[in-house]
Structures are given as structure tokens and as C-alpha cells.
Amino acid sequence: MLKTIRSMKDHRAWQQKYEKNAPKVGDLAPDFELHDTRNEGSVRLSDFRGKRPVALIFGSYT
């Protein structure tokens, strides 16, 4: 139980420090660039602004 409480305190401290920088509901997502799996090209999130919805899926596919 003590480990859980300590973990919760650490989590709250992290939130207080970094959450103020998180995008708010309705904000544009920060722009970023990703390279394709063959490193032959890249795409930026901003390339899709005003066009179509974008779904981001993160995970390990190994």
C-alpha cells in the first residue's frame, strides 16, 4: 500500500509539472513528423490539416 501511495504522489507531482503544457480540448494537436518503415519518406501531421480525420495508433508490432 505504501508503494502505491508513493507512486500516486509521484504521478501527481508529474502532472502538476507537465499537464499545464498538454493540449486542451479543442486545441490543434502539436505538429510532428514520422518516417515510414523503410525510411524512404516522411509525413507530418500538419500535411492533413483541413483534409480528413487522422487516427494515430501506437504500439509494438513485433
PDB file of N, CA and C in Angstrom:
ATOM      1  N   MET A   1       0.827  -1.206   0.000  1.00  0.00           N
ATOM      2  CA  MET A   1       0.000   0.000   0.000  1.00  0.00           C
ATOM      3  C   MET A   1       0.862   1.257   0.000  1.00  0.00           C
ATOM      4  N   LEU A   2       1.935   1.252   0.784  1.00  0.00           N
ATOM      5  CA  LEU A   2       2.813   2.407   0.858  1.00  0.00           C
ATOM      6  C   LEU A   2       3.445   2.697  -0.501  1.00  0.00           C
ATOM      7  N   LYS A   3       3.802   1.631  -1.234  1.00  0.00           N
ATOM      8  CA  LYS A   3       4.383   1.799  -2.565  1.00  0.00           C
ATOM      9  C   LYS A   3       3.369   2.465  -3.511  1.00  0.00           C
ATOM     10  N   THR A   4       2.109   2.064  -3.411  1.00  0.00           N
ATOM     11  CA  THR A   4       1.051   2.651  -4.239  1.00  0.00           C
ATOM     12  C   THR A   4       0.877   4.131  -3.924  1.00  0.00           C
ATOM     13  N   ILE A   5       0.869   4.478  -2.652  1.00  0.00           N
ATOM     14  CA  ILE A   5       0.708   5.878  -2.250  1.00  0.00           C
ATOM     15  C   ILE A   5       1.883   6.705  -2.761  1.00  0.00           C
ATOM     16  N   ARG A   6       3.098   6.178  -2.632  1.00  0.00           N
ATOM     17  CA  ARG A   6       4.274   6.873  -3.119  1.00  0.00           C
ATOM     18  C   ARG A   6       4.182   7.069  -4.632  1.00  0.00           C
ATOM     19  N   SER A   7       3.720   6.033  -5.336  1.00  0.00           N
ATOM     20  CA  SER A   7       3.557   6.104  -6.778  1.00  0.00           C
ATOM     21  C   SER A   7       2.523   7.169  -7.163  1.00  0.00           C
ATOM     22  N   MET A   8       1.424   7.231  -6.413  1.00  0.00           N
ATOM     23  CA  MET A   8       0.393   8.232  -6.686  1.00  0.00           C
ATOM     24  C   MET A   8       0.934   9.642  -6.471  1.00  0.00           C
ATOM     25  N   LYS A   9       1.737   9.827  -5.433  1.00  0.00           N
ATOM     26  CA  LYS A   9       2.333  11.138  -5.173  1.00  0.00           C
ATOM     27  C   LYS A   9       3.272  11.531  -6.300  1.00  0.00           C
ATOM     28  N   ASP A  10       4.063  10.581  -6.774  1.00  0.00           N
ATOM     29  CA  ASP A  10       4.962  10.846  -7.899  1.00  0.00           C
ATOM     30  C   ASP A  10       4.177  11.218  -9.147  1.00  0.00           C
ATOM     31  N   HIS A  11       3.081  10.502  -9.371  1.00  0.00           N
ATOM     32  CA  HIS A  11       2.238  10.769 -10.542  1.00  0.00           C
ATOM     33  C   HIS A  11       1.631  12.171 -10.461  1.00  0.00           C
ATOM     34  N   ARG A  12       1.116  12.524  -9.307  1.00  0.00           N
ATOM     35  CA  ARG A  12       0.521  13.864  -9.153  1.00  0.00           C
ATOM     36  C   ARG A  12       1.561  14.960  -9.321  1.00  0.00           C
ATOM     37  N   ALA A  13       2.769  14.726  -8.822  1.00  0.00           N
ATOM     38  CA  ALA A  13       3.841  15.714  -8.983  1.00  0.00           C
ATOM     39  C   ALA A  13       4.174  15.878 -10.463  1.00  0.00           C
ATOM     40  N   TRP A  14       4.215  14.770 -11.188  1.00  0.00           N
ATOM     41  CA  TRP A  14       4.492  14.829 -12.629  1.00  0.00           C
ATOM     42  C   TRP A  14       3.386  15.600 -13.344  1.00  0.00           C
ATOM     43  N   GLN A  15       2.132  15.315 -12.987  1.00  0.00           N
ATOM     44  CA  GLN A  15       1.000  16.004 -13.604  1.00  0.00           C
ATOM     45  C   GLN A  15       1.080  17.506 -13.374  1.00  0.00           C
ATOM     46  N   GLN A  16       1.368  17.914 -12.155  1.00  0.00           N
ATOM     47  CA  GLN A  16       1.436  19.344 -11.841  1.00  0.00           C
ATOM     48  C   GLN A  16       2.529  20.029 -12.643  1.00  0.00           C
ATOM     49  N   LYS A  17       3.605  19.322 -12.902  1.00  0.00           N
ATOM     50  CA  LYS A  17       4.718  19.920 -13.637  1.00  0.00           C
ATOM     51  C   LYS A  17       4.441  19.985 -15.139  1.00  0.00           C
ATOM     52  N   TYR A  18       3.875  18.919 -15.716  1.00  0.00           N
ATOM     53  CA  TYR A  18       3.778  18.823 -17.170  1.00  0.00           C
ATOM     54  C   TYR A  18       2.382  18.994 -17.751  1.00  0.00           C
ATOM     55  N   GLU A  19       1.330  18.784 -16.982  1.00  0.00           N
ATOM     56  CA  GLU A  19      -0.015  18.833 -17.540  1.00  0.00           C
ATOM     57  C   GLU A  19      -0.364  20.215 -18.076  1.00  0.00           C
ATOM     58  N   LYS A  20       0.213  21.255 -17.501  1.00  0.00           N
ATOM     59  CA  LYS A  20      -0.079  22.609 -17.986  1.00  0.00           C
ATOM     60  C   LYS A  20       0.353  22.795 -19.440  1.00  0.00           C
ATOM     61  N   ASN A  21       1.281  21.941 -19.918  1.00  0.00           N
ATOM     62  CA  ASN A  21       1.749  22.017 -21.304  1.00  0.00           C
ATOM     63  C   ASN A  21       0.935  21.141 -22.248  1.00  0.00           C
ATOM     64  N   ALA A  22       0.047  20.320 -21.705  1.00  0.00           N
ATOM     65  CA  ALA A  22      -0.738  19.402 -22.532  1.00  0.00           C
ATOM     66  C   ALA A  22      -1.782  20.186 -23.327  1.00  0.00           C
ATOM     67  N   PRO A  23      -2.086  19.723 -24.553  1.00  0.00           N
ATOM     68  CA  PRO A  23      -3.136  20.386 -25.333  1.00  0.00           C
ATOM     69  C   PRO A  23      -4.474  20.295 -24.601  1.00  0.00           C
ATOM     70  N   LYS A  24      -5.269  21.303 -24.733  1.00  0.00           N
ATOM     71  CA  LYS A  24      -6.610  21.332 -24.140  1.00  0.00           C
ATOM     72  C   LYS A  24      -7.618  20.854 -25.183  1.00  0.00           C
ATOM     73  N   VAL A  25      -8.786  20.449 -24.729  1.00  0.00           N
ATOM     74  CA  VAL A  25      -9.841  20.017 -25.644  1.00  0.00           C
ATOM     75  C   VAL A  25     -10.112  21.148 -26.631  1.00  0.00           C
ATOM     76  N   GLY A  26     -10.107  20.826 -27.904  1.00  0.00           N
ATOM     77  CA  GLY A  26     -10.358  21.815 -28.946  1.00  0.00           C
ATOM     78  C   GLY A  26      -9.097  22.424 -29.533  1.00  0.00           C
ATOM     79  N   ASP A  27      -7.945  22.262 -28.862  1.00  0.00           N
ATOM     80  CA  ASP A  27      -6.674  22.765 -29.402  1.00  0.00           C
ATOM     81  C   ASP A  27      -6.233  21.898 -30.572  1.00  0.00           C
ATOM     82  N   LEU A  28      -5.447  22.486 -31.470  1.00  0.00           N
ATOM     83  CA  LEU A  28      -4.827  21.696 -32.523  1.00  0.00           C
ATOM     84  C   LEU A  28      -3.729  20.835 -31.915  1.00  0.00           C
ATOM     85  N   ALA A  29      -3.597  19.631 -32.414  1.00  0.00           N
ATOM     86  CA  ALA A  29      -2.533  18.746 -31.944  1.00  0.00           C
ATOM     87  C   ALA A  29      -1.191  19.337 -32.375  1.00  0.00           C
ATOM     88  N   PRO A  30      -0.166  19.187 -31.546  1.00  0.00           N
ATOM     89  CA  PRO A  30       1.159  19.678 -31.931  1.00  0.00           C
ATOM     90  C   PRO A  30       1.636  18.957 -33.196  1.00  0.00           C
ATOM     91  N   ASP A  31       2.298  19.670 -34.055  1.00  0.00           N
ATOM     92  CA  ASP A  31       2.799  19.080 -35.292  1.00  0.00           C
ATOM     93  C   ASP A  31       3.992  18.181 -34.998  1.00  0.00           C
ATOM     94  N   PHE A  32       4.114  17.101 -35.751  1.00  0.00           N
ATOM     95  CA  PHE A  32       5.265  16.212 -35.644  1.00  0.00           C
ATOM     96  C   PHE A  32       5.473  15.518 -36.976  1.00  0.00           C
ATOM     97  N   GLU A  33       6.626  14.912 -37.132  1.00  0.00           N
ATOM     98  CA  GLU A  33       6.985  14.233 -38.378  1.00  0.00           C
ATOM     99  C   GLU A  33       7.378  12.794 -38.065  1.00  0.00           C
ATOM    100  N   LEU A  34       6.901  11.860 -38.883  1.00  0.00           N
ATOM    101  CA  LEU A  34       7.243  10.445 -38.745  1.00  0.00           C
ATOM    102  C   LEU A  34       7.812   9.939 -40.056  1.00  0.00           C
ATOM    103  N   HIS A  35       8.788   9.057 -39.964  1.00  0.00           N
ATOM    104  CA  HIS A  35       9.366   8.425 -41.151  1.00  0.00           C
ATOM    105  C   HIS A  35       8.682   7.084 -41.379  1.00  0.00           C
ATOM    106  N   ASP A  36       8.575   6.692 -42.652  1.00  0.00           N
ATOM    107  CA  ASP A  36       7.961   5.395 -42.921  1.00  0.00           C
ATOM    108  C   ASP A  36       8.905   4.268 -42.501  1.00  0.00           C
ATOM    109  N   THR A  37       8.392   3.057 -42.522  1.00  0.00           N
ATOM    110  CA  THR A  37       9.156   1.915 -42.005  1.00  0.00           C
ATOM    111  C   THR A  37      10.403   1.607 -42.825  1.00  0.00           C
ATOM    112  N   ARG A  38      10.446   2.061 -44.060  1.00  0.00           N
ATOM    113  CA  ARG A  38      11.623   1.824 -44.905  1.00  0.00           C
ATOM    114  C   ARG A  38      12.553   3.028 -44.941  1.00  0.00           C
ATOM    115  N   ASN A  39      12.186   4.066 -44.191  1.00  0.00           N
ATOM    116  CA  ASN A  39      12.964   5.304 -44.135  1.00  0.00           C
ATOM    117  C   ASN A  39      13.152   5.931 -45.526  1.00  0.00           C
ATOM    118  N   GLU A  40      12.130   5.770 -46.364  1.00  0.00           N
ATOM    119  CA  GLU A  40      12.169   6.327 -47.713  1.00  0.00           C
ATOM    120  C   GLU A  40      11.443   7.657 -47.812  1.00  0.00           C
ATOM    121  N   GLY A  41      10.707   8.011 -46.800  1.00  0.00           N
ATOM    122  CA  GLY A  41       9.948   9.250 -46.824  1.00  0.00           C
ATOM    123  C   GLY A  41       9.427   9.562 -45.437  1.00  0.00           C
ATOM    124  N   SER A  42       8.738  10.676 -45.345  1.00  0.00           N
ATOM    125  CA  SER A  42       8.167  11.054 -44.061  1.00  0.00           C
ATOM    126  C   SER A  42       6.853  11.775 -44.293  1.00  0.00           C
ATOM    127  N   VAL A  43       6.111  11.919 -43.218  1.00  0.00           N
ATOM    128  CA  VAL A  43       4.835  12.620 -43.275  1.00  0.00           C
ATOM    129  C   VAL A  43       4.703  13.450 -42.006  1.00  0.00           C
ATOM    130  N   ARG A  44       4.114  14.618 -42.146  1.00  0.00           N
ATOM    131  CA  ARG A  44       3.876  15.497 -40.999  1.00  0.00           C
ATOM    132  C   ARG A  44       2.377  15.518 -40.718  1.00  0.00           C
ATOM    133  N   LEU A  45       2.028  15.638 -39.451  1.00  0.00           N
ATOM    134  CA  LEU A  45       0.619  15.732 -39.087  1.00  0.00           C
ATOM    135  C   LEU A  45      -0.023  16.934 -39.772  1.00  0.00           C
ATOM    136  N   SER A  46       0.697  18.022 -39.879  1.00  0.00           N
ATOM    137  CA  SER A  46       0.147  19.243 -40.488  1.00  0.00           C
ATOM    138  C   SER A  46      -0.190  19.046 -41.969  1.00  0.00           C
ATOM    139  N   ASP A  47       0.358  18.008 -42.609  1.00  0.00           N
ATOM    140  CA  ASP A  47       0.016  17.723 -44.004  1.00  0.00           C
ATOM    141  C   ASP A  47      -1.465  17.389 -44.155  1.00  0.00           C
ATOM    142  N   PHE A  48      -2.116  16.949 -43.069  1.00  0.00           N
ATOM    143  CA  PHE A  48      -3.502  16.526 -43.124  1.00  0.00           C
ATOM    144  C   PHE A  48      -4.477  17.565 -42.587  1.00  0.00           C
ATOM    145  N   ARG A  49      -3.980  18.705 -42.102  1.00  0.00           N
ATOM    146  CA  ARG A  49      -4.882  19.734 -41.558  1.00  0.00           C
ATOM    147  C   ARG A  49      -5.855  20.216 -42.622  1.00  0.00           C
ATOM    148  N   GLY A  50      -7.113  20.228 -42.246  1.00  0.00           N
ATOM    149  CA  GLY A  50      -8.154  20.701 -43.147  1.00  0.00           C
ATOM    150  C   GLY A  50      -8.561  19.685 -44.194  1.00  0.00           C
ATOM    151  N   LYS A  51      -8.018  18.476 -44.157  1.00  0.00           N
ATOM    152  CA  LYS A  51      -8.336  17.482 -45.180  1.00  0.00           C
ATOM    153  C   LYS A  51      -9.252  16.404 -44.638  1.00  0.00           C
ATOM    154  N   ARG A  52      -8.729  15.449 -43.937  1.00  0.00           N
ATOM    155  CA  ARG A  52      -9.527  14.329 -43.456  1.00  0.00           C
ATOM    156  C   ARG A  52      -9.088  13.972 -42.037  1.00  0.00           C
ATOM    157  N   PRO A  53      -9.940  13.273 -41.305  1.00  0.00           N
ATOM    158  CA  PRO A  53      -9.551  12.893 -39.946  1.00  0.00           C
ATOM    159  C   PRO A  53      -8.326  11.979 -39.958  1.00  0.00           C
ATOM    160  N   VAL A  54      -7.543  12.088 -38.917  1.00  0.00           N
ATOM    161  CA  VAL A  54      -6.342  11.268 -38.780  1.00  0.00           C
ATOM    162  C   VAL A  54      -6.464  10.451 -37.498  1.00  0.00           C
ATOM    163  N   ALA A  55      -6.214   9.160 -37.582  1.00  0.00           N
ATOM    164  CA  ALA A  55      -6.192   8.295 -36.402  1.00  0.00           C
ATOM    165  C   ALA A  55      -4.750   7.898 -36.129  1.00  0.00           C
ATOM    166  N   LEU A  56      -4.301   8.106 -34.905  1.00  0.00           N
ATOM    167  CA  LEU A  56      -2.950   7.737 -34.527  1.00  0.00           C
ATOM    168  C   LEU A  56      -3.017   6.459 -33.704  1.00  0.00           C
ATOM    169  N   ILE A  57      -2.245   5.456 -34.112  1.00  0.00           N
ATOM    170  CA  ILE A  57      -2.228   4.184 -33.406  1.00  0.00           C
ATOM    171  C   ILE A  57      -0.798   3.892 -33.028  1.00  0.00           C
ATOM    172  N   PHE A  58      -0.567   3.709 -31.735  1.00  0.00           N
ATOM    173  CA  PHE A  58       0.769   3.431 -31.223  1.00  0.00           C
ATOM    174  C   PHE A  58       0.780   2.022 -30.652  1.00  0.00           C
ATOM    175  N   GLY A  59       1.885   1.341 -30.863  1.00  0.00           N
ATOM    176  CA  GLY A  59       2.023   0.006 -30.288  1.00  0.00           C
ATOM    177  C   GLY A  59       3.233  -0.693 -30.862  1.00  0.00           C
ATOM    178  N   SER A  60       3.475  -1.865 -30.373  1.00  0.00           N
ATOM    179  CA  SER A  60       4.585  -2.682 -30.856  1.00  0.00           C
ATOM    180  C   SER A  60       4.031  -3.779 -31.739  1.00  0.00           C
ATOM    181  N   TYR A  61       4.553  -3.874 -32.911  1.00  0.00           N
ATOM    182  CA  TYR A  61       4.058  -4.864 -33.877  1.00  0.00           C
ATOM    183  C   TYR A  61       5.157  -5.857 -34.230  1.00  0.00           C
ATOM    184  N   THR A  62       5.877  -6.289 -33.209  1.00  0.00           N
ATOM    185  CA  THR A  62       6.958  -7.250 -33.463  1.00  0.00           C
ATOM    186  C   THR A  62       6.543  -8.651 -33.114  1.00  0.00           C
TER     187      THR A  62
END
